[in-house]
Amino acid sequence: MRMNLELSTARLIVYPSMGSIAREKEVEELFAARGIKACIDFLAGHPGMPTRILGFPLPSDPAKATELLCDLIRSVYGFDAETEIEFAYIELAPA
């Protein structure tokens, strides 16, 4: 499972990995239940089998953002408290 976080223009956006229409629906429902709509929504990849890319804004409060991401990881992806998670930080040069 991969999840990308992007910090740009002082806004933190999460791009959850979808993988299936069912997972896409679960992700959208989790954010909708918290009153959050996708701020990024487009199709990428092969025209015959495009991948939907959704980006959701995260709360500016680090504790609230962390809580939301933990809810996402646990309820949508099925991770439990014992699951190890690896984080990687990659800084991209401005385009």
Protein backbone atom coordinates (compact mmCIF):
# COMPACT_ATOMS: atom_id res chain seq x y z
CA MET A 1 0.00 0.00 0.00
CA ARG A 2 1.30 3.42 -0.85
CA MET A 3 0.03 6.79 0.24
CA ASN A 4 1.55 10.07 -0.86
CA LEU A 5 1.48 13.26 1.18
CA GLU A 6 2.21 16.54 -0.51
CA LEU A 7 2.91 19.87 1.13
CA SER A 8 2.57 22.73 -1.28
CA THR A 9 1.45 26.31 -0.89
CA ALA A 10 1.08 25.67 2.84
CA ARG A 11 -1.54 22.96 2.27
CA LEU A 12 -1.12 19.27 3.10
CA ILE A 13 -2.81 16.87 0.68
CA VAL A 14 -3.01 13.08 0.93
CA TYR A 15 -3.26 10.88 -2.17
CA PRO A 16 -4.47 7.44 -1.00
CA SER A 17 -3.70 4.42 -3.15
CA MET A 18 -6.96 3.19 -4.67
CA GLY A 19 -6.36 -0.12 -6.46
CA SER A 20 -10.05 -0.88 -6.95
CA ILE A 21 -13.43 0.80 -7.34
CA ALA A 22 -14.48 -0.65 -3.96
CA ARG A 23 -11.45 0.87 -2.22
CA GLU A 24 -12.06 4.17 -4.02
CA LYS A 25 -15.60 4.22 -2.63
CA GLU A 26 -14.37 3.43 0.91
CA VAL A 27 -11.81 6.25 0.76
CA GLU A 28 -14.39 8.75 -0.50
CA GLU A 29 -16.88 7.67 2.19
CA LEU A 30 -14.30 8.02 4.98
CA PHE A 31 -13.48 11.59 3.97
CA ALA A 32 -17.12 12.49 3.21
CA ALA A 33 -18.12 11.35 6.71
CA ARG A 34 -15.71 14.00 8.00
CA GLY A 35 -16.99 16.67 5.61
CA ILE A 36 -13.90 16.57 3.38
CA LYS A 37 -14.21 16.57 -0.42
CA ALA A 38 -11.43 15.71 -2.85
CA CYS A 39 -9.49 18.78 -3.97
CA ILE A 40 -7.72 16.76 -6.68
CA ASP A 41 -9.61 14.34 -8.96
CA PHE A 42 -8.29 13.18 -12.34
CA LEU A 43 -7.52 10.10 -14.43
CA ALA A 44 -3.94 9.12 -15.27
CA GLY A 45 -2.19 6.29 -17.04
CA HIS A 46 -3.30 4.14 -19.95
CA PRO A 47 -6.48 5.41 -21.67
CA GLY A 48 -7.93 1.89 -21.75
CA MET A 49 -7.40 1.36 -18.02
CA PRO A 50 -6.89 4.73 -16.38
CA THR A 51 -6.15 5.11 -12.70
CA ARG A 52 -8.20 7.59 -10.71
CA ILE A 53 -6.11 9.97 -8.64
CA LEU A 54 -7.84 11.56 -5.67
CA GLY A 55 -6.24 14.08 -3.34
CA PHE A 56 -7.84 15.14 -0.06
CA PRO A 57 -6.83 18.15 2.03
CA LEU A 58 -5.72 17.31 5.55
CA PRO A 59 -6.40 19.42 8.64
CA SER A 60 -3.66 21.94 9.41
CA ASP A 61 -3.55 20.72 13.02
CA PRO A 62 -0.93 17.91 13.06
CA ALA A 63 -2.83 15.91 15.70
CA LYS A 64 -6.06 15.99 13.66
CA ALA A 65 -4.22 15.12 10.44
CA THR A 66 -2.52 12.19 12.18
CA GLU A 67 -5.83 10.95 13.57
CA LEU A 68 -7.45 11.11 10.13
CA LEU A 69 -4.56 9.24 8.50
CA CYS A 70 -4.66 6.57 11.22
CA ASP A 71 -8.40 6.15 10.65
CA LEU A 72 -7.74 5.79 6.90
CA ILE A 73 -4.98 3.23 7.39
CA ARG A 74 -6.98 1.19 9.87
CA SER A 75 -10.51 1.30 8.46
CA VAL A 76 -9.87 1.31 4.70
CA TYR A 77 -6.62 -0.64 4.45
CA GLY A 78 -7.21 -2.95 7.41
CA PHE A 79 -3.98 -2.30 9.31
CA ASP A 80 -4.07 -2.92 13.05
CA ALA A 81 -2.08 -1.34 15.86
CA GLU A 82 0.64 -4.01 15.52
CA THR A 83 1.29 -3.44 11.81
CA GLU A 84 4.65 -1.89 11.05
CA ILE A 85 4.60 1.13 8.77
CA GLU A 86 7.61 2.48 6.90
CA PHE A 87 7.80 6.15 6.03
CA ALA A 88 10.02 7.71 3.37
CA TYR A 89 10.62 11.42 2.94
CA ILE A 90 11.43 12.66 -0.54
CA GLU A 91 11.95 16.34 -1.25
CA LEU A 92 11.35 17.33 -4.84
CA ALA A 93 12.94 20.35 -6.44
CA PRO A 94 10.48 23.03 -7.55
CA ALA A 95 9.45 22.76 -11.18
